[in-house]
Amino acid sequence: MAAFDTTRTTYGTSSLFGRLSAKTASLLAAFVDWNDARTTRQTLGQLNDRELADIGLCRADIDRIAEGKPVF
């Protein structure tokens, strides 16, 4: 009796499940990043100008901080 390995894909291609799981992981990561930026904007937006100045920020810096960009 011969045994055949039917679980392997050809070199350079991936299975449908692999492609779907990679896409799902990518979408989940994008959602997590978006939600982190949203909560950062919301939290910093609740501070008054004096509180922002105490931590070295101004209102114009909030979007840059939420996007993970440096503020000089």
Protein backbone atom coordinates (compact mmCIF):
# COMPACT_ATOMS: atom_id res chain seq x y z
CA MET A 1 0.00 0.00 0.00
CA ALA A 2 1.36 3.41 -0.96
CA ALA A 3 1.05 6.52 1.19
CA PHE A 4 0.55 9.94 -0.34
CA ASP A 5 1.20 13.21 1.44
CA THR A 6 -1.78 15.37 0.47
CA THR A 7 -1.14 18.18 2.96
CA ARG A 8 1.79 19.82 1.21
CA THR A 9 1.47 22.62 -1.27
CA THR A 10 3.83 23.24 -4.12
CA TYR A 11 6.82 25.42 -3.40
CA GLY A 12 6.06 29.13 -3.52
CA THR A 13 2.33 28.84 -3.06
CA SER A 14 0.30 28.81 0.09
CA SER A 15 -2.92 27.13 0.96
CA LEU A 16 -6.23 28.95 1.00
CA PHE A 17 -6.32 28.64 4.79
CA GLY A 18 -2.85 30.17 5.05
CA ARG A 19 -3.81 33.13 2.89
CA LEU A 20 -7.06 33.68 4.80
CA SER A 21 -5.37 33.49 8.19
CA ALA A 22 -2.66 35.93 7.08
CA LYS A 23 -5.31 38.36 5.82
CA THR A 24 -7.29 37.99 9.05
CA ALA A 25 -4.16 38.66 11.12
CA SER A 26 -3.41 41.72 9.00
CA LEU A 27 -6.93 43.08 9.44
CA LEU A 28 -6.82 42.45 13.18
CA ALA A 29 -3.49 44.26 13.48
CA ALA A 30 -4.88 47.23 11.53
CA PHE A 31 -7.91 47.35 13.83
CA VAL A 32 -5.72 47.23 16.95
CA ASP A 33 -3.55 50.07 15.60
CA TRP A 34 -6.62 52.15 14.73
CA ASN A 35 -8.14 51.58 18.17
CA ASP A 36 -4.90 52.49 19.94
CA ALA A 37 -4.72 55.76 17.99
CA ARG A 38 -8.39 56.46 18.72
CA THR A 39 -8.03 55.96 22.47
CA THR A 40 -4.83 58.04 22.53
CA ARG A 41 -6.59 60.91 20.74
CA GLN A 42 -9.55 60.64 23.09
CA THR A 43 -7.42 60.57 26.23
CA LEU A 44 -5.17 63.45 25.22
CA GLY A 45 -8.15 65.41 23.92
CA GLN A 46 -9.71 65.34 27.39
CA LEU A 47 -6.72 67.21 28.86
CA ASN A 48 -6.89 70.99 29.06
CA ASP A 49 -4.19 73.20 27.53
CA ARG A 50 -2.37 73.61 30.84
CA GLU A 51 -2.20 69.84 31.41
CA LEU A 52 -0.92 69.33 27.88
CA ALA A 53 1.72 72.02 28.43
CA ASP A 54 2.79 70.26 31.65
CA ILE A 55 3.74 67.18 29.63
CA GLY A 56 5.32 69.26 26.86
CA LEU A 57 2.54 69.04 24.29
CA CYS A 58 0.02 71.31 22.61
CA ARG A 59 -3.28 70.47 20.89
CA ALA A 60 -1.60 70.35 17.48
CA ASP A 61 0.64 67.49 18.70
CA ILE A 62 -2.21 65.12 19.55
CA ASP A 63 -2.66 63.67 16.05
CA ARG A 64 1.08 63.16 15.58
CA ILE A 65 1.33 61.40 18.93
CA ALA A 66 -1.65 59.17 18.11
CA GLU A 67 -0.08 58.21 14.77
CA GLY A 68 3.19 57.32 16.51
CA LYS A 69 5.16 60.08 14.83
CA PRO A 70 7.80 62.05 16.75
CA VAL A 71 6.99 65.50 18.07
CA PHE A 72 9.89 67.91 18.06
